[in-house]
Amino acid sequence: EKEMKANAKQSEVKEVRFTPGTDDHDFDFKAKHAEGFLKDGNKVKAYVQFKGRAIMFKERGELVLLKFAERLAEVGQPETLPKLEGKRMFLMLTPKTSKKKKEEKTS
């Protein structure tokens, strides 16, 4: 059992934070970092933090997260739809397993 745990790949959950008014350049910068995390085999938790009255604009937060998932569709796939918990709306992305990596492991 210890050997199996030692051989198992450890994956971390990296977090990326947005606000409802995150601009394009900031969005691109964060998406580029998240892409690197997914390529390294880590999960990414993207969330929109609502402050004060911003909670009234839940749609904006959801659009930011859906745009983020669409942007990273090549390297990651969403586990769930955007979900609101308290003042945070979040989305989990897991790395896609490529066929090339599977073929390399078997040969």
PDB file of N, CA and C in Angstrom:
ATOM      1  N   GLU A   1       0.823  -1.194   0.000  1.00  0.00           N
ATOM      2  CA  GLU A   1       0.000   0.000   0.000  1.00  0.00           C
ATOM      3  C   GLU A   1       0.869   1.260   0.000  1.00  0.00           C
ATOM      4  N   LYS A   2       1.960   1.222   0.769  1.00  0.00           N
ATOM      5  CA  LYS A   2       2.862   2.375   0.809  1.00  0.00           C
ATOM      6  C   LYS A   2       3.511   2.601  -0.549  1.00  0.00           C
ATOM      7  N   GLU A   3       3.857   1.501  -1.230  1.00  0.00           N
ATOM      8  CA  GLU A   3       4.475   1.618  -2.555  1.00  0.00           C
ATOM      9  C   GLU A   3       3.505   2.235  -3.548  1.00  0.00           C
ATOM     10  N   MET A   4       2.244   1.854  -3.461  1.00  0.00           N
ATOM     11  CA  MET A   4       1.249   2.410  -4.370  1.00  0.00           C
ATOM     12  C   MET A   4       1.103   3.907  -4.136  1.00  0.00           C
ATOM     13  N   LYS A   5       1.107   4.320  -2.874  1.00  0.00           N
ATOM     14  CA  LYS A   5       1.007   5.746  -2.575  1.00  0.00           C
ATOM     15  C   LYS A   5       2.233   6.495  -3.065  1.00  0.00           C
ATOM     16  N   ALA A   6       3.399   5.876  -2.958  1.00  0.00           N
ATOM     17  CA  ALA A   6       4.634   6.526  -3.388  1.00  0.00           C
ATOM     18  C   ALA A   6       4.663   6.699  -4.901  1.00  0.00           C
ATOM     19  N   ASN A   7       4.101   5.738  -5.620  1.00  0.00           N
ATOM     20  CA  ASN A   7       4.101   5.804  -7.081  1.00  0.00           C
ATOM     21  C   ASN A   7       2.973   6.661  -7.631  1.00  0.00           C
ATOM     22  N   ALA A   8       1.953   6.922  -6.829  1.00  0.00           N
ATOM     23  CA  ALA A   8       0.817   7.724  -7.292  1.00  0.00           C
ATOM     24  C   ALA A   8       1.256   9.166  -7.502  1.00  0.00           C
ATOM     25  N   LYS A   9       0.772   9.749  -8.582  1.00  0.00           N
ATOM     26  CA  LYS A   9       1.141  11.129  -8.896  1.00  0.00           C
ATOM     27  C   LYS A   9       0.346  12.085  -8.018  1.00  0.00           C
ATOM     28  N   GLN A  10       1.052  12.970  -7.352  1.00  0.00           N
ATOM     29  CA  GLN A  10       0.403  13.956  -6.496  1.00  0.00           C
ATOM     30  C   GLN A  10       0.000  15.149  -7.344  1.00  0.00           C
ATOM     31  N   SER A  11      -1.259  15.529  -7.280  1.00  0.00           N
ATOM     32  CA  SER A  11      -1.700  16.716  -8.007  1.00  0.00           C
ATOM     33  C   SER A  11      -2.228  17.732  -7.008  1.00  0.00           C
ATOM     34  N   GLU A  12      -1.855  18.961  -7.214  1.00  0.00           N
ATOM     35  CA  GLU A  12      -2.291  20.035  -6.339  1.00  0.00           C
ATOM     36  C   GLU A  12      -3.485  20.740  -6.965  1.00  0.00           C
ATOM     37  N   VAL A  13      -4.192  21.489  -6.143  1.00  0.00           N
ATOM     38  CA  VAL A  13      -5.270  22.334  -6.647  1.00  0.00           C
ATOM     39  C   VAL A  13      -4.767  23.771  -6.602  1.00  0.00           C
ATOM     40  N   LYS A  14      -4.609  24.363  -7.769  1.00  0.00           N
ATOM     41  CA  LYS A  14      -4.154  25.746  -7.872  1.00  0.00           C
ATOM     42  C   LYS A  14      -5.380  26.635  -8.002  1.00  0.00           C
ATOM     43  N   GLU A  15      -5.334  27.803  -7.388  1.00  0.00           N
ATOM     44  CA  GLU A  15      -6.476  28.713  -7.428  1.00  0.00           C
ATOM     45  C   GLU A  15      -6.171  29.941  -8.268  1.00  0.00           C
ATOM     46  N   VAL A  16      -7.175  30.366  -9.032  1.00  0.00           N
ATOM     47  CA  VAL A  16      -7.088  31.585  -9.831  1.00  0.00           C
ATOM     48  C   VAL A  16      -8.287  32.441  -9.449  1.00  0.00           C
ATOM     49  N   ARG A  17      -8.028  33.682  -9.051  1.00  0.00           N
ATOM     50  CA  ARG A  17      -9.086  34.558  -8.543  1.00  0.00           C
ATOM     51  C   ARG A  17      -9.434  35.644  -9.554  1.00  0.00           C
ATOM     52  N   PHE A  18     -10.728  35.848  -9.728  1.00  0.00           N
ATOM     53  CA  PHE A  18     -11.238  36.908 -10.586  1.00  0.00           C
ATOM     54  C   PHE A  18     -12.206  37.772  -9.790  1.00  0.00           C
ATOM     55  N   THR A  19     -12.563  38.923 -10.359  1.00  0.00           N
ATOM     56  CA  THR A  19     -13.666  39.733  -9.856  1.00  0.00           C
ATOM     57  C   THR A  19     -14.645  39.890 -11.019  1.00  0.00           C
ATOM     58  N   PRO A  20     -15.871  40.331 -10.763  1.00  0.00           N
ATOM     59  CA  PRO A  20     -16.823  40.479 -11.872  1.00  0.00           C
ATOM     60  C   PRO A  20     -16.337  41.454 -12.944  1.00  0.00           C
ATOM     61  N   GLY A  21     -15.478  42.388 -12.590  1.00  0.00           N
ATOM     62  CA  GLY A  21     -15.002  43.377 -13.555  1.00  0.00           C
ATOM     63  C   GLY A  21     -13.590  43.126 -14.047  1.00  0.00           C
ATOM     64  N   THR A  22     -13.113  41.884 -14.009  1.00  0.00           N
ATOM     65  CA  THR A  22     -11.760  41.576 -14.470  1.00  0.00           C
ATOM     66  C   THR A  22     -11.627  41.937 -15.943  1.00  0.00           C
ATOM     67  N   ASP A  23     -10.593  42.717 -16.261  1.00  0.00           N
ATOM     68  CA  ASP A  23     -10.399  43.205 -17.627  1.00  0.00           C
ATOM     69  C   ASP A  23      -9.712  42.147 -18.490  1.00  0.00           C
ATOM     70  N   ASP A  24      -9.664  42.387 -19.802  1.00  0.00           N
ATOM     71  CA  ASP A  24      -9.154  41.406 -20.756  1.00  0.00           C
ATOM     72  C   ASP A  24      -7.694  41.036 -20.515  1.00  0.00           C
ATOM     73  N   HIS A  25      -6.836  42.025 -20.288  1.00  0.00           N
ATOM     74  CA  HIS A  25      -5.415  41.723 -20.111  1.00  0.00           C
ATOM     75  C   HIS A  25      -5.191  40.867 -18.863  1.00  0.00           C
ATOM     76  N   ASP A  26      -5.842  41.228 -17.773  1.00  0.00           N
ATOM     77  CA  ASP A  26      -5.718  40.448 -16.540  1.00  0.00           C
ATOM     78  C   ASP A  26      -6.262  39.034 -16.744  1.00  0.00           C
ATOM     79  N   PHE A  27      -7.370  38.941 -17.464  1.00  0.00           N
ATOM     80  CA  PHE A  27      -7.972  37.640 -17.747  1.00  0.00           C
ATOM     81  C   PHE A  27      -6.999  36.768 -18.541  1.00  0.00           C
ATOM     82  N   ASP A  28      -6.396  37.347 -19.594  1.00  0.00           N
ATOM     83  CA  ASP A  28      -5.458  36.589 -20.424  1.00  0.00           C
ATOM     84  C   ASP A  28      -4.245  36.138 -19.620  1.00  0.00           C
ATOM     85  N   PHE A  29      -3.740  37.017 -18.767  1.00  0.00           N
ATOM     86  CA  PHE A  29      -2.574  36.711 -17.945  1.00  0.00           C
ATOM     87  C   PHE A  29      -2.870  35.530 -17.014  1.00  0.00           C
ATOM     88  N   LYS A  30      -4.020  35.561 -16.370  1.00  0.00           N
ATOM     89  CA  LYS A  30      -4.392  34.495 -15.443  1.00  0.00           C
ATOM     90  C   LYS A  30      -4.695  33.194 -16.185  1.00  0.00           C
ATOM     91  N   ALA A  31      -5.293  33.308 -17.360  1.00  0.00           N
ATOM     92  CA  ALA A  31      -5.594  32.114 -18.156  1.00  0.00           C
ATOM     93  C   ALA A  31      -4.306  31.436 -18.610  1.00  0.00           C
ATOM     94  N   LYS A  32      -3.295  32.233 -18.939  1.00  0.00           N
ATOM     95  CA  LYS A  32      -2.010  31.675 -19.365  1.00  0.00           C
ATOM     96  C   LYS A  32      -1.354  30.900 -18.217  1.00  0.00           C
ATOM     97  N   HIS A  33      -1.429  31.443 -17.009  1.00  0.00           N
ATOM     98  CA  HIS A  33      -0.879  30.746 -15.848  1.00  0.00           C
ATOM     99  C   HIS A  33      -1.651  29.460 -15.569  1.00  0.00           C
ATOM    100  N   ALA A  34      -2.968  29.519 -15.662  1.00  0.00           N
ATOM    101  CA  ALA A  34      -3.798  28.342 -15.416  1.00  0.00           C
ATOM    102  C   ALA A  34      -3.515  27.260 -16.455  1.00  0.00           C
ATOM    103  N   GLU A  35      -3.250  27.669 -17.682  1.00  0.00           N
ATOM    104  CA  GLU A  35      -2.914  26.706 -18.732  1.00  0.00           C
ATOM    105  C   GLU A  35      -1.638  25.956 -18.365  1.00  0.00           C
ATOM    106  N   GLY A  36      -0.666  26.678 -17.839  1.00  0.00           N
ATOM    107  CA  GLY A  36       0.576  26.038 -17.388  1.00  0.00           C
ATOM    108  C   GLY A  36       0.326  25.059 -16.247  1.00  0.00           C
ATOM    109  N   PHE A  37      -0.547  25.431 -15.314  1.00  0.00           N
ATOM    110  CA  PHE A  37      -0.875  24.539 -14.203  1.00  0.00           C
ATOM    111  C   PHE A  37      -1.502  23.250 -14.719  1.00  0.00           C
ATOM    112  N   LEU A  38      -2.430  23.376 -15.675  1.00  0.00           N
ATOM    113  CA  LEU A  38      -3.106  22.198 -16.216  1.00  0.00           C
ATOM    114  C   LEU A  38      -2.133  21.313 -16.990  1.00  0.00           C
ATOM    115  N   LYS A  39      -1.219  21.921 -17.723  1.00  0.00           N
ATOM    116  CA  LYS A  39      -0.226  21.139 -18.466  1.00  0.00           C
ATOM    117  C   LYS A  39       0.702  20.384 -17.524  1.00  0.00           C
ATOM    118  N   ASP A  40       0.923  20.939 -16.330  1.00  0.00           N
ATOM    119  CA  ASP A  40       1.752  20.266 -15.327  1.00  0.00           C
ATOM    120  C   ASP A  40       0.998  19.151 -14.614  1.00  0.00           C
ATOM    121  N   GLY A  41      -0.304  19.032 -14.872  1.00  0.00           N
ATOM    122  CA  GLY A  41      -1.096  17.965 -14.274  1.00  0.00           C
ATOM    123  C   GLY A  41      -1.831  18.357 -13.010  1.00  0.00           C
ATOM    124  N   ASN A  42      -1.894  19.643 -12.707  1.00  0.00           N
ATOM    125  CA  ASN A  42      -2.596  20.115 -11.513  1.00  0.00           C
ATOM    126  C   ASN A  42      -4.031  20.500 -11.847  1.00  0.00           C
ATOM    127  N   LYS A  43      -4.907  20.411 -10.857  1.00  0.00           N
ATOM    128  CA  LYS A  43      -6.273  20.900 -11.023  1.00  0.00           C
ATOM    129  C   LYS A  43      -6.265  22.407 -10.805  1.00  0.00           C
ATOM    130  N   VAL A  44      -7.229  23.088 -11.407  1.00  0.00           N
ATOM    131  CA  VAL A  44      -7.340  24.540 -11.250  1.00  0.00           C
ATOM    132  C   VAL A  44      -8.732  24.873 -10.732  1.00  0.00           C
ATOM    133  N   LYS A  45      -8.767  25.646  -9.648  1.00  0.00           N
ATOM    134  CA  LYS A  45     -10.032  26.136  -9.102  1.00  0.00           C
ATOM    135  C   LYS A  45     -10.087  27.624  -9.411  1.00  0.00           C
ATOM    136  N   ALA A  46     -10.962  27.997 -10.324  1.00  0.00           N
ATOM    137  CA  ALA A  46     -11.131  29.408 -10.676  1.00  0.00           C
ATOM    138  C   ALA A  46     -12.352  29.919  -9.937  1.00  0.00           C
ATOM    139  N   TYR A  47     -12.216  31.085  -9.318  1.00  0.00           N
ATOM    140  CA  TYR A  47     -13.362  31.638  -8.613  1.00  0.00           C
ATOM    141  C   TYR A  47     -13.459  33.135  -8.798  1.00  0.00           C
ATOM    142  N   VAL A  48     -14.704  33.603  -8.728  1.00  0.00           N
ATOM    143  CA  VAL A  48     -14.997  35.035  -8.798  1.00  0.00           C
ATOM    144  C   VAL A  48     -15.393  35.464  -7.397  1.00  0.00           C
ATOM    145  N   GLN A  49     -14.675  36.442  -6.856  1.00  0.00           N
ATOM    146  CA  GLN A  49     -14.949  36.958  -5.517  1.00  0.00           C
ATOM    147  C   GLN A  49     -15.835  38.190  -5.641  1.00  0.00           C
ATOM    148  N   PHE A  50     -17.007  38.131  -5.038  1.00  0.00           N
ATOM    149  CA  PHE A  50     -17.927  39.267  -5.046  1.00  0.00           C
ATOM    150  C   PHE A  50     -17.743  40.056  -3.758  1.00  0.00           C
ATOM    151  N   LYS A  51     -17.630  41.372  -3.880  1.00  0.00           N
ATOM    152  CA  LYS A  51     -17.498  42.234  -2.703  1.00  0.00           C
ATOM    153  C   LYS A  51     -18.651  43.232  -2.685  1.00  0.00           C
ATOM    154  N   GLY A  52     -19.197  43.451  -1.512  1.00  0.00           N
ATOM    155  CA  GLY A  52     -20.245  44.461  -1.351  1.00  0.00           C
ATOM    156  C   GLY A  52     -21.429  44.236  -2.268  1.00  0.00           C
ATOM    157  N   ARG A  53     -21.746  45.266  -3.036  1.00  0.00           N
ATOM    158  CA  ARG A  53     -22.916  45.197  -3.927  1.00  0.00           C
ATOM    159  C   ARG A  53     -22.667  44.378  -5.188  1.00  0.00           C
ATOM    160  N   ALA A  54     -21.441  43.982  -5.427  1.00  0.00           N
ATOM    161  CA  ALA A  54     -21.117  43.231  -6.647  1.00  0.00           C
ATOM    162  C   ALA A  54     -21.884  41.918  -6.730  1.00  0.00           C
ATOM    163  N   ILE A  55     -22.398  41.426  -5.607  1.00  0.00           N
ATOM    164  CA  ILE A  55     -23.146  40.168  -5.606  1.00  0.00           C
ATOM    165  C   ILE A  55     -24.404  40.271  -6.466  1.00  0.00           C
ATOM    166  N   MET A  56     -24.842  41.508  -6.750  1.00  0.00           N
ATOM    167  CA  MET A  56     -26.016  41.690  -7.611  1.00  0.00           C
ATOM    168  C   MET A  56     -25.714  41.295  -9.053  1.00  0.00           C
ATOM    169  N   PHE A  57     -24.430  41.263  -9.427  1.00  0.00           N
ATOM    170  CA  PHE A  57     -24.047  40.966 -10.808  1.00  0.00           C
ATOM    171  C   PHE A  57     -23.520  39.540 -10.930  1.00  0.00           C
ATOM    172  N   LYS A  58     -24.319  38.582 -10.482  1.00  0.00           N
ATOM    173  CA  LYS A  58     -23.911  37.177 -10.547  1.00  0.00           C
ATOM    174  C   LYS A  58     -23.683  36.729 -11.985  1.00  0.00           C
ATOM    175  N   GLU A  59     -24.450  37.303 -12.913  1.00  0.00           N
ATOM    176  CA  GLU A  59     -24.333  36.910 -14.321  1.00  0.00           C
ATOM    177  C   GLU A  59     -22.937  37.226 -14.852  1.00  0.00           C
ATOM    178  N   ARG A  60     -22.401  38.386 -14.465  1.00  0.00           N
ATOM    179  CA  ARG A  60     -21.053  38.759 -14.918  1.00  0.00           C
ATOM    180  C   ARG A  60     -20.025  37.744 -14.438  1.00  0.00           C
ATOM    181  N   GLY A  61     -20.153  37.327 -13.200  1.00  0.00           N
ATOM    182  CA  GLY A  61     -19.228  36.341 -12.650  1.00  0.00           C
ATOM    183  C   GLY A  61     -19.323  35.020 -13.380  1.00  0.00           C
ATOM    184  N   GLU A  62     -20.543  34.610 -13.671  1.00  0.00           N
ATOM    185  CA  GLU A  62     -20.733  33.353 -14.389  1.00  0.00           C
ATOM    186  C   GLU A  62     -20.156  33.440 -15.795  1.00  0.00           C
ATOM    187  N   LEU A  63     -20.332  34.587 -16.452  1.00  0.00           N
ATOM    188  CA  LEU A  63     -19.771  34.765 -17.792  1.00  0.00           C
ATOM    189  C   LEU A  63     -18.249  34.700 -17.769  1.00  0.00           C
ATOM    190  N   VAL A  64     -17.630  35.283 -16.748  1.00  0.00           N
ATOM    191  CA  VAL A  64     -16.167  35.241 -16.629  1.00  0.00           C
ATOM    192  C   VAL A  64     -15.698  33.794 -16.512  1.00  0.00           C
ATOM    193  N   LEU A  65     -16.367  33.006 -15.678  1.00  0.00           N
ATOM    194  CA  LEU A  65     -15.958  31.614 -15.483  1.00  0.00           C
ATOM    195  C   LEU A  65     -16.204  30.756 -16.721  1.00  0.00           C
ATOM    196  N   LEU A  66     -17.318  30.984 -17.401  1.00  0.00           N
ATOM    197  CA  LEU A  66     -17.589  30.220 -18.624  1.00  0.00           C
ATOM    198  C   LEU A  66     -16.590  30.568 -19.724  1.00  0.00           C
ATOM    199  N   LYS A  67     -16.234  31.840 -19.814  1.00  0.00           N
ATOM    200  CA  LYS A  67     -15.222  32.279 -20.778  1.00  0.00           C
ATOM    201  C   LYS A  67     -13.871  31.636 -20.450  1.00  0.00           C
ATOM    202  N   PHE A  68     -13.560  31.537 -19.166  1.00  0.00           N
ATOM    203  CA  PHE A  68     -12.319  30.922 -18.698  1.00  0.00           C
ATOM    204  C   PHE A  68     -12.282  29.440 -19.084  1.00  0.00           C
ATOM    205  N   ALA A  69     -13.389  28.731 -18.866  1.00  0.00           N
ATOM    206  CA  ALA A  69     -13.463  27.310 -19.214  1.00  0.00           C
ATOM    207  C   ALA A  69     -13.342  27.108 -20.719  1.00  0.00           C
ATOM    208  N   GLU A  70     -13.959  28.003 -21.484  1.00  0.00           N
ATOM    209  CA  GLU A  70     -13.887  27.919 -22.946  1.00  0.00           C
ATOM    210  C   GLU A  70     -12.458  28.161 -23.429  1.00  0.00           C
ATOM    211  N   ARG A  71     -11.790  29.111 -22.798  1.00  0.00           N
ATOM    212  CA  ARG A  71     -10.414  29.455 -23.173  1.00  0.00           C
ATOM    213  C   ARG A  71      -9.452  28.284 -22.925  1.00  0.00           C
ATOM    214  N   LEU A  72      -9.701  27.506 -21.881  1.00  0.00           N
ATOM    215  CA  LEU A  72      -8.811  26.403 -21.518  1.00  0.00           C
ATOM    216  C   LEU A  72      -9.346  25.039 -21.956  1.00  0.00           C
ATOM    217  N   ALA A  73     -10.272  25.028 -22.901  1.00  0.00           N
ATOM    218  CA  ALA A  73     -10.908  23.776 -23.326  1.00  0.00           C
ATOM    219  C   ALA A  73      -9.916  22.784 -23.928  1.00  0.00           C
ATOM    220  N   GLU A  74      -8.822  23.274 -24.520  1.00  0.00           N
ATOM    221  CA  GLU A  74      -7.851  22.376 -25.149  1.00  0.00           C
ATOM    222  C   GLU A  74      -7.047  21.581 -24.124  1.00  0.00           C
ATOM    223  N   VAL A  75      -6.754  22.182 -22.979  1.00  0.00           N
ATOM    224  CA  VAL A  75      -5.891  21.528 -21.993  1.00  0.00           C
ATOM    225  C   VAL A  75      -6.633  21.036 -20.756  1.00  0.00           C
ATOM    226  N   GLY A  76      -7.848  21.528 -20.536  1.00  0.00           N
ATOM    227  CA  GLY A  76      -8.586  21.127 -19.340  1.00  0.00           C
ATOM    228  C   GLY A  76     -10.068  21.009 -19.594  1.00  0.00           C
ATOM    229  N   GLN A  77     -10.725  20.276 -18.715  1.00  0.00           N
ATOM    230  CA  GLN A  77     -12.172  20.126 -18.837  1.00  0.00           C
ATOM    231  C   GLN A  77     -12.819  20.455 -17.495  1.00  0.00           C
ATOM    232  N   PRO A  78     -13.946  21.162 -17.528  1.00  0.00           N
ATOM    233  CA  PRO A  78     -14.606  21.530 -16.264  1.00  0.00           C
ATOM    234  C   PRO A  78     -15.249  20.316 -15.593  1.00  0.00           C
ATOM    235  N   GLU A  79     -15.117  20.241 -14.275  1.00  0.00           N
ATOM    236  CA  GLU A  79     -15.769  19.172 -13.514  1.00  0.00           C
ATOM    237  C   GLU A  79     -17.243  19.479 -13.307  1.00  0.00           C
ATOM    238  N   THR A  80     -17.552  20.750 -13.032  1.00  0.00           N
ATOM    239  CA  THR A  80     -18.932  21.153 -12.770  1.00  0.00           C
ATOM    240  C   THR A  80     -19.205  22.490 -13.435  1.00  0.00           C
ATOM    241  N   LEU A  81     -20.458  22.871 -13.443  1.00  0.00           N
ATOM    242  CA  LEU A  81     -20.826  24.210 -13.894  1.00  0.00           C
ATOM    243  C   LEU A  81     -20.493  25.200 -12.783  1.00  0.00           C
ATOM    244  N   PRO A  82     -20.384  26.496 -13.102  1.00  0.00           N
ATOM    245  CA  PRO A  82     -20.111  27.485 -12.052  1.00  0.00           C
ATOM    246  C   PRO A  82     -21.167  27.417 -10.946  1.00  0.00           C
ATOM    247  N   LYS A  83     -20.687  27.392  -9.699  1.00  0.00           N
ATOM    248  CA  LYS A  83     -21.565  27.241  -8.547  1.00  0.00           C
ATOM    249  C   LYS A  83     -21.284  28.363  -7.555  1.00  0.00           C
ATOM    250  N   LEU A  84     -22.336  28.930  -6.977  1.00  0.00           N
ATOM    251  CA  LEU A  84     -22.200  30.029  -6.025  1.00  0.00           C
ATOM    252  C   LEU A  84     -22.219  29.491  -4.602  1.00  0.00           C
ATOM    253  N   GLU A  85     -21.173  29.836  -3.831  1.00  0.00           N
ATOM    254  CA  GLU A  85     -21.109  29.488  -2.410  1.00  0.00           C
ATOM    255  C   GLU A  85     -20.767  30.743  -1.647  1.00  0.00           C
ATOM    256  N   GLY A  86     -21.714  31.281  -0.930  1.00  0.00           N
ATOM    257  CA  GLY A  86     -21.472  32.521  -0.196  1.00  0.00           C
ATOM    258  C   GLY A  86     -21.245  33.669  -1.162  1.00  0.00           C
ATOM    259  N   LYS A  87     -20.094  34.317  -1.052  1.00  0.00           N
ATOM    260  CA  LYS A  87     -19.766  35.429  -1.946  1.00  0.00           C
ATOM    261  C   LYS A  87     -18.770  35.022  -3.021  1.00  0.00           C
ATOM    262  N   ARG A  88     -18.636  33.718  -3.234  1.00  0.00           N
ATOM    263  CA  ARG A  88     -17.728  33.209  -4.258  1.00  0.00           C
ATOM    264  C   ARG A  88     -18.481  32.323  -5.236  1.00  0.00           C
ATOM    265  N   MET A  89     -18.179  32.478  -6.509  1.00  0.00           N
ATOM    266  CA  MET A  89     -18.685  31.577  -7.533  1.00  0.00           C
ATOM    267  C   MET A  89     -17.458  30.865  -8.094  1.00  0.00           C
ATOM    268  N   PHE A  90     -17.466  29.536  -8.103  1.00  0.00           N
ATOM    269  CA  PHE A  90     -16.260  28.832  -8.510  1.00  0.00           C
ATOM    270  C   PHE A  90     -16.525  27.764  -9.560  1.00  0.00           C
ATOM    271  N   LEU A  91     -15.428  27.342 -10.182  1.00  0.00           N
ATOM    272  CA  LEU A  91     -15.435  26.341 -11.240  1.00  0.00           C
ATOM    273  C   LEU A  91     -14.146  25.541 -11.114  1.00  0.00           C
ATOM    274  N   MET A  92     -14.236  24.213 -11.122  1.00  0.00           N
ATOM    275  CA  MET A  92     -13.048  23.361 -11.051  1.00  0.00           C
ATOM    276  C   MET A  92     -12.726  22.828 -12.443  1.00  0.00           C
ATOM    277  N   LEU A  93     -11.453  22.879 -12.806  1.00  0.00           N
ATOM    278  CA  LEU A  93     -10.984  22.338 -14.079  1.00  0.00           C
ATOM    279  C   LEU A  93      -9.960  21.241 -13.808  1.00  0.00           C
ATOM    280  N   THR A  94     -10.072  20.144 -14.538  1.00  0.00           N
ATOM    281  CA  THR A  94      -9.093  19.068 -14.424  1.00  0.00           C
ATOM    282  C   THR A  94      -8.343  18.955 -15.740  1.00  0.00           C
ATOM    283  N   PRO A  95      -7.084  18.543 -15.692  1.00  0.00           N
ATOM    284  CA  PRO A  95      -6.318  18.419 -16.937  1.00  0.00           C
ATOM    285  C   PRO A  95      -6.849  17.279 -17.794  1.00  0.00           C
ATOM    286  N   LYS A  96      -6.826  17.497 -19.098  1.00  0.00           N
ATOM    287  CA  LYS A  96      -7.221  16.437 -20.025  1.00  0.00           C
ATOM    288  C   LYS A  96      -6.057  15.472 -20.156  1.00  0.00           C
ATOM    289  N   THR A  97      -6.364  14.186 -20.203  1.00  0.00           N
ATOM    290  CA  THR A  97      -5.313  13.198 -20.414  1.00  0.00           C
ATOM    291  C   THR A  97      -5.171  12.992 -21.911  1.00  0.00           C
ATOM    292  N   SER A  98      -3.978  13.216 -22.401  1.00  0.00           N
ATOM    293  CA  SER A  98      -3.768  13.085 -23.842  1.00  0.00           C
ATOM    294  C   SER A  98      -3.429  11.641 -24.194  1.00  0.00           C
ATOM    295  N   LYS A  99      -3.749  11.251 -25.405  1.00  0.00           N
ATOM    296  CA  LYS A  99      -3.487   9.889 -25.863  1.00  0.00           C
ATOM    297  C   LYS A  99      -1.989   9.631 -25.978  1.00  0.00           C
ATOM    298  N   LYS A 100      -1.220  10.663 -26.318  1.00  0.00           N
ATOM    299  CA  LYS A 100       0.227  10.502 -26.454  1.00  0.00           C
ATOM    300  C   LYS A 100       0.856  10.073 -25.136  1.00  0.00           C
ATOM    301  N   LYS A 101       0.437  10.679 -24.049  1.00  0.00           N
ATOM    302  CA  LYS A 101       0.994  10.340 -22.741  1.00  0.00           C
ATOM    303  C   LYS A 101       0.653   8.903 -22.368  1.00  0.00           C
ATOM    304  N   LYS A 102      -0.574   8.469 -22.685  1.00  0.00           N
ATOM    305  CA  LYS A 102      -0.977   7.104 -22.378  1.00  0.00           C
ATOM    306  C   LYS A 102      -0.153   6.108 -23.191  1.00  0.00           C
ATOM    307  N   GLU A 103       0.104   6.429 -24.462  1.00  0.00           N
ATOM    308  CA  GLU A 103       0.884   5.540 -25.312  1.00  0.00           C
ATOM    309  C   GLU A 103       2.318   5.438 -24.822  1.00  0.00           C
ATOM    310  N   GLU A 104       2.884   6.550 -24.342  1.00  0.00           N
ATOM    311  CA  GLU A 104       4.249   6.539 -23.832  1.00  0.00           C
ATOM    312  C   GLU A 104       4.354   5.665 -22.584  1.00  0.00           C
ATOM    313  N   LYS A 105       3.345   5.688 -21.735  1.00  0.00           N
ATOM    314  CA  LYS A 105       3.370   4.902 -20.510  1.00  0.00           C
ATOM    315  C   LYS A 105       3.271   3.410 -20.803  1.00  0.00           C
ATOM    316  N   THR A 106       2.485   3.018 -21.809  1.00  0.00           N
ATOM    317  CA  THR A 106       2.297   1.607 -22.114  1.00  0.00           C
ATOM    318  C   THR A 106       3.499   1.010 -22.834  1.00  0.00           C
ATOM    319  N   SER A 107       4.244   1.813 -23.581  1.00  0.00           N
ATOM    320  CA  SER A 107       5.391   1.261 -24.320  1.00  0.00           C
ATOM    321  C   SER A 107       6.683   1.377 -23.571  1.00  0.00           C
TER     322      SER A 107
END
